[in-house]
Each structure stands twice: as C-alpha cells, then as structure tokens.
Amino acid sequence: MRRKLIWIAPLAILAIVFFVWFGGWAVMHLWNWLLPPLFGWHVITFWQALALLALCRILLGNWGGGHGPGPHFRRRMWERGWKRRWEKMTPEEREKFRQRWGGRCGFDAPASGTEEPA
C-alpha cells in the first residue's frame, strides 16, 4: 500500500501542474487567435492567460461546492412542495388556480368577467 502512495503523490502533483499549464496555454492561444483579429485587443502572455483563468474561476466557479444540493435537487424539492399544495387543494381551488395562471402563461385565457381586478 505504501508503494502505491509513493507513486501517486508525485503523479498527482505532475497532473495538477500539467492541467494548470494546459489551461493557461489553451486560454492564451484561443485569446490570441480570436480576439486581436476580431476586436483589435492586445495579445496576452501565458501568465496573463493564467491570471484570466483564475479570475474566471473566482467570478464564475463554485469552488468545489458541487457536493451539496445542486439545481436538480432544488428543483425536485420545489416540485415536491407544489405537488403537496396541489394535492391539498379541492377541485374548485384547482380550477380557480388553472384559470388564474392559464391566462398569465398564454394558455387558456380566462373568460371575460372571471378575471380578478388587479
């Protein structure tokens, strides 16, 4: 088991260095290939590309928070809440709900006189 750890740690460090280098290289070449000819922006260096990649990670990344509830989990919880509400409604309340929301969403516009004043 120890022999595996001896090889895994240096390989992991090399993999991290490789992915950082490749990310900076890819951003630099894509930037220099697209943006100066299209918009007249300046050519950037590898270190500027790496800083741009870090800035994007800071502004747009989730910093490893993907283990908690994500958008799919939140959507399911929201749907469960509406399902519970729907099941508790009487048939009259469901029909009233359909009429009110149907017109708002562009489906089944409410008949004249049934719309509540704003």
PDB file of N, CA and C in Angstrom:
ATOM      1  N   MET A   1       0.812  -1.196   0.000  1.00  0.00           N
ATOM      2  CA  MET A   1       0.000   0.000   0.000  1.00  0.00           C
ATOM      3  C   MET A   1       0.860   1.266   0.000  1.00  0.00           C
ATOM      4  N   ARG A   2       1.941   1.237   0.766  1.00  0.00           N
ATOM      5  CA  ARG A   2       2.818   2.406   0.817  1.00  0.00           C
ATOM      6  C   ARG A   2       3.489   2.673  -0.520  1.00  0.00           C
ATOM      7  N   ARG A   3       3.797   1.614  -1.237  1.00  0.00           N
ATOM      8  CA  ARG A   3       4.451   1.808  -2.538  1.00  0.00           C
ATOM      9  C   ARG A   3       3.532   2.532  -3.508  1.00  0.00           C
ATOM     10  N   LYS A   4       2.244   2.257  -3.411  1.00  0.00           N
ATOM     11  CA  LYS A   4       1.296   2.963  -4.278  1.00  0.00           C
ATOM     12  C   LYS A   4       1.273   4.449  -3.940  1.00  0.00           C
ATOM     13  N   LEU A   5       1.270   4.786  -2.650  1.00  0.00           N
ATOM     14  CA  LEU A   5       1.242   6.186  -2.243  1.00  0.00           C
ATOM     15  C   LEU A   5       2.490   6.922  -2.680  1.00  0.00           C
ATOM     16  N   ILE A   6       3.613   6.234  -2.704  1.00  0.00           N
ATOM     17  CA  ILE A   6       4.859   6.865  -3.125  1.00  0.00           C
ATOM     18  C   ILE A   6       4.756   7.317  -4.582  1.00  0.00           C
ATOM     19  N   TRP A   7       4.066   6.568  -5.416  1.00  0.00           N
ATOM     20  CA  TRP A   7       3.934   6.921  -6.825  1.00  0.00           C
ATOM     21  C   TRP A   7       2.746   7.843  -7.088  1.00  0.00           C
ATOM     22  N   ILE A   8       1.704   7.750  -6.267  1.00  0.00           N
ATOM     23  CA  ILE A   8       0.502   8.546  -6.519  1.00  0.00           C
ATOM     24  C   ILE A   8       0.743  10.026  -6.244  1.00  0.00           C
ATOM     25  N   ALA A   9       1.425  10.362  -5.172  1.00  0.00           N
ATOM     26  CA  ALA A   9       1.636  11.771  -4.824  1.00  0.00           C
ATOM     27  C   ALA A   9       2.407  12.535  -5.902  1.00  0.00           C
ATOM     28  N   PRO A  10       3.550  12.039  -6.388  1.00  0.00           N
ATOM     29  CA  PRO A  10       4.239  12.777  -7.461  1.00  0.00           C
ATOM     30  C   PRO A  10       3.425  12.835  -8.753  1.00  0.00           C
ATOM     31  N   LEU A  11       2.708  11.756  -9.056  1.00  0.00           N
ATOM     32  CA  LEU A  11       1.872  11.784 -10.263  1.00  0.00           C
ATOM     33  C   LEU A  11       0.739  12.791 -10.133  1.00  0.00           C
ATOM     34  N   ALA A  12       0.160  12.898  -8.946  1.00  0.00           N
ATOM     35  CA  ALA A  12      -0.900  13.878  -8.731  1.00  0.00           C
ATOM     36  C   ALA A  12      -0.362  15.301  -8.879  1.00  0.00           C
ATOM     37  N   ILE A  13       0.815  15.551  -8.334  1.00  0.00           N
ATOM     38  CA  ILE A  13       1.428  16.878  -8.467  1.00  0.00           C
ATOM     39  C   ILE A  13       1.729  17.185  -9.927  1.00  0.00           C
ATOM     40  N   LEU A  14       2.271  16.212 -10.639  1.00  0.00           N
ATOM     41  CA  LEU A  14       2.535  16.412 -12.070  1.00  0.00           C
ATOM     42  C   LEU A  14       1.248  16.645 -12.851  1.00  0.00           C
ATOM     43  N   ALA A  15       0.195  15.925 -12.510  1.00  0.00           N
ATOM     44  CA  ALA A  15      -1.081  16.108 -13.200  1.00  0.00           C
ATOM     45  C   ALA A  15      -1.635  17.507 -12.956  1.00  0.00           C
ATOM     46  N   ILE A  16      -1.544  17.998 -11.725  1.00  0.00           N
ATOM     47  CA  ILE A  16      -2.013  19.348 -11.420  1.00  0.00           C
ATOM     48  C   ILE A  16      -1.215  20.384 -12.196  1.00  0.00           C
ATOM     49  N   VAL A  17       0.100  20.228 -12.205  1.00  0.00           N
ATOM     50  CA  VAL A  17       0.956  21.166 -12.953  1.00  0.00           C
ATOM     51  C   VAL A  17       0.617  21.122 -14.438  1.00  0.00           C
ATOM     52  N   PHE A  18       0.417  19.917 -14.966  1.00  0.00           N
ATOM     53  CA  PHE A  18       0.079  19.785 -16.387  1.00  0.00           C
ATOM     54  C   PHE A  18      -1.243  20.466 -16.710  1.00  0.00           C
ATOM     55  N   PHE A  19      -2.274  20.253 -15.882  1.00  0.00           N
ATOM     56  CA  PHE A  19      -3.577  20.848 -16.177  1.00  0.00           C
ATOM     57  C   PHE A  19      -3.547  22.359 -16.030  1.00  0.00           C
ATOM     58  N   VAL A  20      -2.797  22.888 -15.084  1.00  0.00           N
ATOM     59  CA  VAL A  20      -2.657  24.338 -14.964  1.00  0.00           C
ATOM     60  C   VAL A  20      -1.933  24.888 -16.192  1.00  0.00           C
ATOM     61  N   TRP A  21      -0.843  24.227 -16.579  1.00  0.00           N
ATOM     62  CA  TRP A  21      -0.097  24.679 -17.757  1.00  0.00           C
ATOM     63  C   TRP A  21      -0.975  24.600 -19.006  1.00  0.00           C
ATOM     64  N   PHE A  22      -1.677  23.474 -19.178  1.00  0.00           N
ATOM     65  CA  PHE A  22      -2.507  23.315 -20.374  1.00  0.00           C
ATOM     66  C   PHE A  22      -3.643  24.327 -20.399  1.00  0.00           C
ATOM     67  N   GLY A  23      -4.259  24.602 -19.236  1.00  0.00           N
ATOM     68  CA  GLY A  23      -5.332  25.602 -19.182  1.00  0.00           C
ATOM     69  C   GLY A  23      -4.831  26.975 -19.569  1.00  0.00           C
ATOM     70  N   GLY A  24      -3.685  27.375 -19.030  1.00  0.00           N
ATOM     71  CA  GLY A  24      -3.111  28.674 -19.402  1.00  0.00           C
ATOM     72  C   GLY A  24      -2.726  28.733 -20.864  1.00  0.00           C
ATOM     73  N   TRP A  25      -2.146  27.654 -21.350  1.00  0.00           N
ATOM     74  CA  TRP A  25      -1.746  27.588 -22.761  1.00  0.00           C
ATOM     75  C   TRP A  25      -2.965  27.686 -23.675  1.00  0.00           C
ATOM     76  N   ALA A  26      -4.024  26.946 -23.332  1.00  0.00           N
ATOM     77  CA  ALA A  26      -5.230  26.950 -24.165  1.00  0.00           C
ATOM     78  C   ALA A  26      -5.890  28.325 -24.168  1.00  0.00           C
ATOM     79  N   VAL A  27      -6.008  28.958 -22.991  1.00  0.00           N
ATOM     80  CA  VAL A  27      -6.624  30.289 -22.925  1.00  0.00           C
ATOM     81  C   VAL A  27      -5.791  31.292 -23.705  1.00  0.00           C
ATOM     82  N   MET A  28      -4.472  31.238 -23.550  1.00  0.00           N
ATOM     83  CA  MET A  28      -3.596  32.176 -24.257  1.00  0.00           C
ATOM     84  C   MET A  28      -3.753  32.034 -25.769  1.00  0.00           C
ATOM     85  N   HIS A  29      -3.705  30.804 -26.259  1.00  0.00           N
ATOM     86  CA  HIS A  29      -3.777  30.616 -27.710  1.00  0.00           C
ATOM     87  C   HIS A  29      -5.166  30.928 -28.270  1.00  0.00           C
ATOM     88  N   LEU A  30      -6.208  30.577 -27.548  1.00  0.00           N
ATOM     89  CA  LEU A  30      -7.546  30.920 -28.021  1.00  0.00           C
ATOM     90  C   LEU A  30      -7.759  32.429 -28.014  1.00  0.00           C
ATOM     91  N   TRP A  31      -7.313  33.097 -26.962  1.00  0.00           N
ATOM     92  CA  TRP A  31      -7.424  34.552 -26.894  1.00  0.00           C
ATOM     93  C   TRP A  31      -6.651  35.190 -28.053  1.00  0.00           C
ATOM     94  N   ASN A  32      -5.388  34.791 -28.216  1.00  0.00           N
ATOM     95  CA  ASN A  32      -4.549  35.410 -29.240  1.00  0.00           C
ATOM     96  C   ASN A  32      -4.998  35.059 -30.650  1.00  0.00           C
ATOM     97  N   TRP A  33      -5.696  33.969 -30.811  1.00  0.00           N
ATOM     98  CA  TRP A  33      -6.178  33.574 -32.132  1.00  0.00           C
ATOM     99  C   TRP A  33      -7.467  34.314 -32.487  1.00  0.00           C
ATOM    100  N   LEU A  34      -8.344  34.533 -31.495  1.00  0.00           N
ATOM    101  CA  LEU A  34      -9.660  35.107 -31.775  1.00  0.00           C
ATOM    102  C   LEU A  34      -9.771  36.606 -31.554  1.00  0.00           C
ATOM    103  N   LEU A  35      -9.371  37.086 -30.398  1.00  0.00           N
ATOM    104  CA  LEU A  35      -9.727  38.448 -30.014  1.00  0.00           C
ATOM    105  C   LEU A  35      -8.936  39.552 -30.712  1.00  0.00           C
ATOM    106  N   PRO A  36      -7.617  39.437 -30.910  1.00  0.00           N
ATOM    107  CA  PRO A  36      -6.950  40.522 -31.636  1.00  0.00           C
ATOM    108  C   PRO A  36      -7.471  40.713 -33.070  1.00  0.00           C
ATOM    109  N   PRO A  37      -7.673  39.641 -33.850  1.00  0.00           N
ATOM    110  CA  PRO A  37      -8.206  39.875 -35.196  1.00  0.00           C
ATOM    111  C   PRO A  37      -9.658  40.368 -35.208  1.00  0.00           C
ATOM    112  N   LEU A  38     -10.482  39.877 -34.283  1.00  0.00           N
ATOM    113  CA  LEU A  38     -11.891  40.255 -34.295  1.00  0.00           C
ATOM    114  C   LEU A  38     -12.145  41.642 -33.724  1.00  0.00           C
ATOM    115  N   PHE A  39     -11.527  41.947 -32.585  1.00  0.00           N
ATOM    116  CA  PHE A  39     -11.840  43.189 -31.891  1.00  0.00           C
ATOM    117  C   PHE A  39     -10.664  44.138 -31.759  1.00  0.00           C
ATOM    118  N   GLY A  40      -9.483  43.735 -32.193  1.00  0.00           N
ATOM    119  CA  GLY A  40      -8.312  44.596 -32.097  1.00  0.00           C
ATOM    120  C   GLY A  40      -7.722  44.668 -30.700  1.00  0.00           C
ATOM    121  N   TRP A  41      -8.034  43.700 -29.849  1.00  0.00           N
ATOM    122  CA  TRP A  41      -7.486  43.685 -28.498  1.00  0.00           C
ATOM    123  C   TRP A  41      -6.041  43.225 -28.529  1.00  0.00           C
ATOM    124  N   HIS A  42      -5.322  43.450 -27.428  1.00  0.00           N
ATOM    125  CA  HIS A  42      -3.910  43.104 -27.344  1.00  0.00           C
ATOM    126  C   HIS A  42      -3.701  41.601 -27.209  1.00  0.00           C
ATOM    127  N   VAL A  43      -2.536  41.156 -27.642  1.00  0.00           N
ATOM    128  CA  VAL A  43      -2.114  39.775 -27.458  1.00  0.00           C
ATOM    129  C   VAL A  43      -1.704  39.620 -25.990  1.00  0.00           C
ATOM    130  N   ILE A  44      -2.014  38.471 -25.370  1.00  0.00           N
ATOM    131  CA  ILE A  44      -1.676  38.263 -23.961  1.00  0.00           C
ATOM    132  C   ILE A  44      -0.593  37.208 -23.824  1.00  0.00           C
ATOM    133  N   THR A  45       0.088  37.250 -22.684  1.00  0.00           N
ATOM    134  CA  THR A  45       1.142  36.274 -22.391  1.00  0.00           C
ATOM    135  C   THR A  45       0.540  35.085 -21.651  1.00  0.00           C
ATOM    136  N   PHE A  46       1.365  34.062 -21.428  1.00  0.00           N
ATOM    137  CA  PHE A  46       0.922  32.882 -20.696  1.00  0.00           C
ATOM    138  C   PHE A  46       0.467  33.250 -19.288  1.00  0.00           C
ATOM    139  N   TRP A  47       1.216  34.109 -18.607  1.00  0.00           N
ATOM    140  CA  TRP A  47       0.882  34.473 -17.236  1.00  0.00           C
ATOM    141  C   TRP A  47      -0.393  35.294 -17.166  1.00  0.00           C
ATOM    142  N   GLN A  48      -0.626  36.136 -18.156  1.00  0.00           N
ATOM    143  CA  GLN A  48      -1.881  36.879 -18.211  1.00  0.00           C
ATOM    144  C   GLN A  48      -3.059  35.931 -18.461  1.00  0.00           C
ATOM    145  N   ALA A  49      -2.836  34.929 -19.299  1.00  0.00           N
ATOM    146  CA  ALA A  49      -3.884  33.940 -19.557  1.00  0.00           C
ATOM    147  C   ALA A  49      -4.189  33.143 -18.297  1.00  0.00           C
ATOM    148  N   LEU A  50      -3.145  32.789 -17.546  1.00  0.00           N
ATOM    149  CA  LEU A  50      -3.343  32.061 -16.289  1.00  0.00           C
ATOM    150  C   LEU A  50      -4.096  32.928 -15.281  1.00  0.00           C
ATOM    151  N   ALA A  51      -3.783  34.216 -15.217  1.00  0.00           N
ATOM    152  CA  ALA A  51      -4.499  35.128 -14.327  1.00  0.00           C
ATOM    153  C   ALA A  51      -5.953  35.283 -14.773  1.00  0.00           C
ATOM    154  N   LEU A  52      -6.193  35.321 -16.070  1.00  0.00           N
ATOM    155  CA  LEU A  52      -7.558  35.407 -16.588  1.00  0.00           C
ATOM    156  C   LEU A  52      -8.351  34.149 -16.235  1.00  0.00           C
ATOM    157  N   LEU A  53      -7.701  33.006 -16.338  1.00  0.00           N
ATOM    158  CA  LEU A  53      -8.335  31.743 -15.961  1.00  0.00           C
ATOM    159  C   LEU A  53      -8.680  31.734 -14.471  1.00  0.00           C
ATOM    160  N   ALA A  54      -7.778  32.237 -13.636  1.00  0.00           N
ATOM    161  CA  ALA A  54      -8.040  32.315 -12.197  1.00  0.00           C
ATOM    162  C   ALA A  54      -9.176  33.290 -11.904  1.00  0.00           C
ATOM    163  N   LEU A  55      -9.209  34.412 -12.610  1.00  0.00           N
ATOM    164  CA  LEU A  55     -10.273  35.390 -12.418  1.00  0.00           C
ATOM    165  C   LEU A  55     -11.630  34.796 -12.789  1.00  0.00           C
ATOM    166  N   CYS A  56     -11.678  34.071 -13.887  1.00  0.00           N
ATOM    167  CA  CYS A  56     -12.929  33.413 -14.286  1.00  0.00           C
ATOM    168  C   CYS A  56     -13.354  32.392 -13.245  1.00  0.00           C
ATOM    169  N   ARG A  57     -12.398  31.694 -12.681  1.00  0.00           N
ATOM    170  CA  ARG A  57     -12.708  30.710 -11.643  1.00  0.00           C
ATOM    171  C   ARG A  57     -13.267  31.400 -10.406  1.00  0.00           C
ATOM    172  N   ILE A  58     -12.689  32.541 -10.047  1.00  0.00           N
ATOM    173  CA  ILE A  58     -13.172  33.282  -8.880  1.00  0.00           C
ATOM    174  C   ILE A  58     -14.583  33.808  -9.126  1.00  0.00           C
ATOM    175  N   LEU A  59     -14.816  34.392 -10.294  1.00  0.00           N
ATOM    176  CA  LEU A  59     -16.104  35.020 -10.565  1.00  0.00           C
ATOM    177  C   LEU A  59     -17.201  34.022 -10.914  1.00  0.00           C
ATOM    178  N   LEU A  60     -16.857  32.947 -11.614  1.00  0.00           N
ATOM    179  CA  LEU A  60     -17.880  32.034 -12.123  1.00  0.00           C
ATOM    180  C   LEU A  60     -17.853  30.643 -11.520  1.00  0.00           C
ATOM    181  N   GLY A  61     -16.776  30.289 -10.846  1.00  0.00           N
ATOM    182  CA  GLY A  61     -16.645  28.935 -10.327  1.00  0.00           C
ATOM    183  C   GLY A  61     -17.401  28.729  -9.031  1.00  0.00           C
ATOM    184  N   ASN A  62     -17.563  27.471  -8.649  1.00  0.00           N
ATOM    185  CA  ASN A  62     -18.276  27.174  -7.415  1.00  0.00           C
ATOM    186  C   ASN A  62     -17.331  26.714  -6.316  1.00  0.00           C
ATOM    187  N   TRP A  63     -16.047  26.645  -6.553  1.00  0.00           N
ATOM    188  CA  TRP A  63     -15.021  26.323  -5.576  1.00  0.00           C
ATOM    189  C   TRP A  63     -15.283  25.005  -4.862  1.00  0.00           C
ATOM    190  N   GLY A  64     -15.660  24.005  -5.604  1.00  0.00           N
ATOM    191  CA  GLY A  64     -15.818  22.676  -5.033  1.00  0.00           C
ATOM    192  C   GLY A  64     -17.085  22.488  -4.241  1.00  0.00           C
ATOM    193  N   GLY A  65     -18.033  23.376  -4.371  1.00  0.00           N
ATOM    194  CA  GLY A  65     -19.278  23.248  -3.636  1.00  0.00           C
ATOM    195  C   GLY A  65     -20.282  22.348  -4.323  1.00  0.00           C
ATOM    196  N   GLY A  66     -19.842  21.552  -5.290  1.00  0.00           N
ATOM    197  CA  GLY A  66     -20.752  20.718  -6.048  1.00  0.00           C
ATOM    198  C   GLY A  66     -21.241  19.494  -5.312  1.00  0.00           C
ATOM    199  N   HIS A  67     -20.784  19.281  -4.079  1.00  0.00           N
ATOM    200  CA  HIS A  67     -21.202  18.094  -3.354  1.00  0.00           C
ATOM    201  C   HIS A  67     -22.543  18.291  -2.663  1.00  0.00           C
ATOM    202  N   GLY A  68     -22.935  19.517  -2.461  1.00  0.00           N
ATOM    203  CA  GLY A  68     -24.198  19.794  -1.778  1.00  0.00           C
ATOM    204  C   GLY A  68     -25.352  19.812  -2.756  1.00  0.00           C
ATOM    205  N   PRO A  69     -26.491  20.324  -2.303  1.00  0.00           N
ATOM    206  CA  PRO A  69     -27.659  20.361  -3.177  1.00  0.00           C
ATOM    207  C   PRO A  69     -27.423  21.259  -4.380  1.00  0.00           C
ATOM    208  N   GLY A  70     -27.621  20.719  -5.546  1.00  0.00           N
ATOM    209  CA  GLY A  70     -27.447  21.467  -6.770  1.00  0.00           C
ATOM    210  C   GLY A  70     -28.786  21.900  -7.334  1.00  0.00           C
ATOM    211  N   PRO A  71     -28.792  22.406  -8.557  1.00  0.00           N
ATOM    212  CA  PRO A  71     -30.041  22.897  -9.146  1.00  0.00           C
ATOM    213  C   PRO A  71     -31.080  21.797  -9.320  1.00  0.00           C
ATOM    214  N   HIS A  72     -30.650  20.571  -9.607  1.00  0.00           N
ATOM    215  CA  HIS A  72     -31.619  19.494  -9.785  1.00  0.00           C
ATOM    216  C   HIS A  72     -32.281  19.150  -8.460  1.00  0.00           C
ATOM    217  N   PHE A  73     -31.514  19.147  -7.388  1.00  0.00           N
ATOM    218  CA  PHE A  73     -32.055  18.868  -6.068  1.00  0.00           C
ATOM    219  C   PHE A  73     -33.054  19.952  -5.673  1.00  0.00           C
ATOM    220  N   ARG A  74     -32.679  21.221  -5.885  1.00  0.00           N
ATOM    221  CA  ARG A  74     -33.573  22.323  -5.534  1.00  0.00           C
ATOM    222  C   ARG A  74     -34.846  22.271  -6.365  1.00  0.00           C
ATOM    223  N   ARG A  75     -34.737  21.906  -7.641  1.00  0.00           N
ATOM    224  CA  ARG A  75     -35.923  21.822  -8.484  1.00  0.00           C
ATOM    225  C   ARG A  75     -36.861  20.724  -8.000  1.00  0.00           C
ATOM    226  N   ARG A  76     -36.291  19.568  -7.642  1.00  0.00           N
ATOM    227  CA  ARG A  76     -37.131  18.480  -7.149  1.00  0.00           C
ATOM    228  C   ARG A  76     -37.839  18.886  -5.860  1.00  0.00           C
ATOM    229  N   MET A  77     -37.130  19.569  -4.976  1.00  0.00           N
ATOM    230  CA  MET A  77     -37.758  19.999  -3.734  1.00  0.00           C
ATOM    231  C   MET A  77     -38.872  21.004  -4.015  1.00  0.00           C
ATOM    232  N   TRP A  78     -38.670  21.906  -4.966  1.00  0.00           N
ATOM    233  CA  TRP A  78     -39.687  22.880  -5.334  1.00  0.00           C
ATOM    234  C   TRP A  78     -40.906  22.166  -5.914  1.00  0.00           C
ATOM    235  N   GLU A  79     -40.658  21.178  -6.791  1.00  0.00           N
ATOM    236  CA  GLU A  79     -41.766  20.433  -7.378  1.00  0.00           C
ATOM    237  C   GLU A  79     -42.531  19.643  -6.328  1.00  0.00           C
ATOM    238  N   ARG A  80     -41.822  19.065  -5.360  1.00  0.00           N
ATOM    239  CA  ARG A  80     -42.498  18.327  -4.293  1.00  0.00           C
ATOM    240  C   ARG A  80     -43.405  19.250  -3.488  1.00  0.00           C
ATOM    241  N   GLY A  81     -42.939  20.464  -3.215  1.00  0.00           N
ATOM    242  CA  GLY A  81     -43.750  21.422  -2.475  1.00  0.00           C
ATOM    243  C   GLY A  81     -45.028  21.761  -3.222  1.00  0.00           C
ATOM    244  N   TRP A  82     -44.915  21.987  -4.544  1.00  0.00           N
ATOM    245  CA  TRP A  82     -46.104  22.288  -5.331  1.00  0.00           C
ATOM    246  C   TRP A  82     -47.011  21.080  -5.440  1.00  0.00           C
ATOM    247  N   LYS A  83     -46.430  19.899  -5.498  1.00  0.00           N
ATOM    248  CA  LYS A  83     -47.258  18.700  -5.571  1.00  0.00           C
ATOM    249  C   LYS A  83     -48.082  18.544  -4.301  1.00  0.00           C
ATOM    250  N   ARG A  84     -47.459  18.802  -3.158  1.00  0.00           N
ATOM    251  CA  ARG A  84     -48.185  18.733  -1.884  1.00  0.00           C
ATOM    252  C   ARG A  84     -49.316  19.757  -1.848  1.00  0.00           C
ATOM    253  N   ARG A  85     -49.028  20.978  -2.287  1.00  0.00           N
ATOM    254  CA  ARG A  85     -50.064  22.010  -2.313  1.00  0.00           C
ATOM    255  C   ARG A  85     -51.206  21.604  -3.226  1.00  0.00           C
ATOM    256  N   TRP A  86     -50.861  21.073  -4.390  1.00  0.00           N
ATOM    257  CA  TRP A  86     -51.868  20.683  -5.375  1.00  0.00           C
ATOM    258  C   TRP A  86     -52.765  19.576  -4.820  1.00  0.00           C
ATOM    259  N   GLU A  87     -52.161  18.619  -4.121  1.00  0.00           N
ATOM    260  CA  GLU A  87     -52.944  17.515  -3.561  1.00  0.00           C
ATOM    261  C   GLU A  87     -53.880  17.987  -2.457  1.00  0.00           C
ATOM    262  N   LYS A  88     -53.511  19.046  -1.745  1.00  0.00           N
ATOM    263  CA  LYS A  88     -54.352  19.561  -0.671  1.00  0.00           C
ATOM    264  C   LYS A  88     -55.509  20.420  -1.183  1.00  0.00           C
ATOM    265  N   MET A  89     -55.438  20.861  -2.452  1.00  0.00           N
ATOM    266  CA  MET A  89     -56.487  21.723  -2.990  1.00  0.00           C
ATOM    267  C   MET A  89     -57.740  20.917  -3.305  1.00  0.00           C
ATOM    268  N   THR A  90     -58.853  21.593  -3.163  1.00  0.00           N
ATOM    269  CA  THR A  90     -60.114  20.993  -3.577  1.00  0.00           C
ATOM    270  C   THR A  90     -60.228  21.133  -5.091  1.00  0.00           C
ATOM    271  N   PRO A  91     -61.123  20.384  -5.739  1.00  0.00           N
ATOM    272  CA  PRO A  91     -61.283  20.538  -7.201  1.00  0.00           C
ATOM    273  C   PRO A  91     -61.645  21.972  -7.601  1.00  0.00           C
ATOM    274  N   GLU A  92     -62.424  22.672  -6.777  1.00  0.00           N
ATOM    275  CA  GLU A  92     -62.777  24.056  -7.104  1.00  0.00           C
ATOM    276  C   GLU A  92     -61.544  24.966  -7.045  1.00  0.00           C
ATOM    277  N   GLU A  93     -60.700  24.742  -6.021  1.00  0.00           N
ATOM    278  CA  GLU A  93     -59.482  25.539  -5.904  1.00  0.00           C
ATOM    279  C   GLU A  93     -58.524  25.253  -7.064  1.00  0.00           C
ATOM    280  N   ARG A  94     -58.449  24.006  -7.491  1.00  0.00           N
ATOM    281  CA  ARG A  94     -57.599  23.670  -8.636  1.00  0.00           C
ATOM    282  C   ARG A  94     -58.079  24.353  -9.906  1.00  0.00           C
ATOM    283  N   GLU A  95     -59.365  24.362 -10.129  1.00  0.00           N
ATOM    284  CA  GLU A  95     -59.909  25.008 -11.332  1.00  0.00           C
ATOM    285  C   GLU A  95     -59.660  26.514 -11.284  1.00  0.00           C
ATOM    286  N   LYS A  96     -59.855  27.105 -10.119  1.00  0.00           N
ATOM    287  CA  LYS A  96     -59.585  28.537  -9.968  1.00  0.00           C
ATOM    288  C   LYS A  96     -58.110  28.835 -10.236  1.00  0.00           C
ATOM    289  N   PHE A  97     -57.227  27.976  -9.708  1.00  0.00           N
ATOM    290  CA  PHE A  97     -55.799  28.131  -9.934  1.00  0.00           C
ATOM    291  C   PHE A  97     -55.473  28.037 -11.420  1.00  0.00           C
ATOM    292  N   ARG A  98     -56.030  27.055 -12.107  1.00  0.00           N
ATOM    293  CA  ARG A  98     -55.802  26.895 -13.560  1.00  0.00           C
ATOM    294  C   ARG A  98     -56.238  28.132 -14.325  1.00  0.00           C
ATOM    295  N   GLN A  99     -57.408  28.662 -13.967  1.00  0.00           N
ATOM    296  CA  GLN A  99     -57.920  29.840 -14.678  1.00  0.00           C
ATOM    297  C   GLN A  99     -57.018  31.048 -14.453  1.00  0.00           C
ATOM    298  N   ARG A 100     -56.590  31.249 -13.216  1.00  0.00           N
ATOM    299  CA  ARG A 100     -55.756  32.416 -12.922  1.00  0.00           C
ATOM    300  C   ARG A 100     -54.402  32.332 -13.598  1.00  0.00           C
ATOM    301  N   TRP A 101     -53.741  31.164 -13.547  1.00  0.00           N
ATOM    302  CA  TRP A 101     -52.402  31.030 -14.090  1.00  0.00           C
ATOM    303  C   TRP A 101     -52.392  30.715 -15.572  1.00  0.00           C
ATOM    304  N   GLY A 102     -53.459  30.138 -16.074  1.00  0.00           N
ATOM    305  CA  GLY A 102     -53.507  29.824 -17.502  1.00  0.00           C
ATOM    306  C   GLY A 102     -53.428  31.059 -18.365  1.00  0.00           C
ATOM    307  N   GLY A 103     -54.130  32.104 -17.985  1.00  0.00           N
ATOM    308  CA  GLY A 103     -54.100  33.341 -18.753  1.00  0.00           C
ATOM    309  C   GLY A 103     -52.740  34.021 -18.687  1.00  0.00           C
ATOM    310  N   ARG A 104     -52.055  33.898 -17.581  1.00  0.00           N
ATOM    311  CA  ARG A 104     -50.745  34.531 -17.425  1.00  0.00           C
ATOM    312  C   ARG A 104     -49.687  33.860 -18.282  1.00  0.00           C
ATOM    313  N   CYS A 105     -49.806  32.564 -18.470  1.00  0.00           N
ATOM    314  CA  CYS A 105     -48.791  31.821 -19.198  1.00  0.00           C
ATOM    315  C   CYS A 105     -49.110  31.684 -20.685  1.00  0.00           C
ATOM    316  N   GLY A 106     -50.202  32.264 -21.125  1.00  0.00           N
ATOM    317  CA  GLY A 106     -50.554  32.204 -22.530  1.00  0.00           C
ATOM    318  C   GLY A 106     -51.407  31.008 -22.908  1.00  0.00           C
ATOM    319  N   PHE A 107     -51.845  30.225 -21.942  1.00  0.00           N
ATOM    320  CA  PHE A 107     -52.721  29.092 -22.202  1.00  0.00           C
ATOM    321  C   PHE A 107     -54.106  29.419 -21.682  1.00  0.00           C
ATOM    322  N   ASP A 108     -55.110  28.903 -22.297  1.00  0.00           N
ATOM    323  CA  ASP A 108     -56.483  29.013 -21.791  1.00  0.00           C
ATOM    324  C   ASP A 108     -56.771  30.368 -21.162  1.00  0.00           C
ATOM    325  N   ALA A 109     -56.829  31.389 -21.982  1.00  0.00           N
ATOM    326  CA  ALA A 109     -57.101  32.718 -21.457  1.00  0.00           C
ATOM    327  C   ALA A 109     -58.424  32.708 -20.721  1.00  0.00           C
ATOM    328  N   PRO A 110     -58.537  33.356 -19.553  1.00  0.00           N
ATOM    329  CA  PRO A 110     -59.772  33.333 -18.790  1.00  0.00           C
ATOM    330  C   PRO A 110     -60.901  34.015 -19.538  1.00  0.00           C
ATOM    331  N   ALA A 111     -62.087  33.503 -19.327  1.00  0.00           N
ATOM    332  CA  ALA A 111     -63.262  34.089 -19.988  1.00  0.00           C
ATOM    333  C   ALA A 111     -63.504  35.480 -19.417  1.00  0.00           C
ATOM    334  N   SER A 112     -64.193  36.324 -20.186  1.00  0.00           N
ATOM    335  CA  SER A 112     -64.432  37.691 -19.729  1.00  0.00           C
ATOM    336  C   SER A 112     -65.297  37.684 -18.477  1.00  0.00           C
ATOM    337  N   GLY A 113     -64.955  38.530 -17.554  1.00  0.00           N
ATOM    338  CA  GLY A 113     -65.716  38.632 -16.323  1.00  0.00           C
ATOM    339  C   GLY A 113     -65.201  37.741 -15.212  1.00  0.00           C
ATOM    340  N   THR A 114     -64.352  36.758 -15.523  1.00  0.00           N
ATOM    341  CA  THR A 114     -63.844  35.880 -14.475  1.00  0.00           C
ATOM    342  C   THR A 114     -62.513  36.347 -13.936  1.00  0.00           C
ATOM    343  N   GLU A 115     -61.880  37.284 -14.615  1.00  0.00           N
ATOM    344  CA  GLU A 115     -60.568  37.765 -14.177  1.00  0.00           C
ATOM    345  C   GLU A 115     -60.724  38.699 -13.001  1.00  0.00           C
ATOM    346  N   GLU A 116     -59.903  38.522 -11.988  1.00  0.00           N
ATOM    347  CA  GLU A 116     -59.977  39.365 -10.817  1.00  0.00           C
ATOM    348  C   GLU A 116     -59.325  40.713 -11.097  1.00  0.00           C
ATOM    349  N   PRO A 117     -59.814  41.789 -10.489  1.00  0.00           N
ATOM    350  CA  PRO A 117     -59.189  43.099 -10.699  1.00  0.00           C
ATOM    351  C   PRO A 117     -57.794  43.123 -10.067  1.00  0.00           C
ATOM    352  N   ALA A 118     -56.887  43.880 -10.701  1.00  0.00           N
ATOM    353  CA  ALA A 118     -55.503  43.925 -10.221  1.00  0.00           C
ATOM    354  C   ALA A 118     -55.346  44.772  -9.011  1.00  0.00           C
TER     355      ALA A 118
END
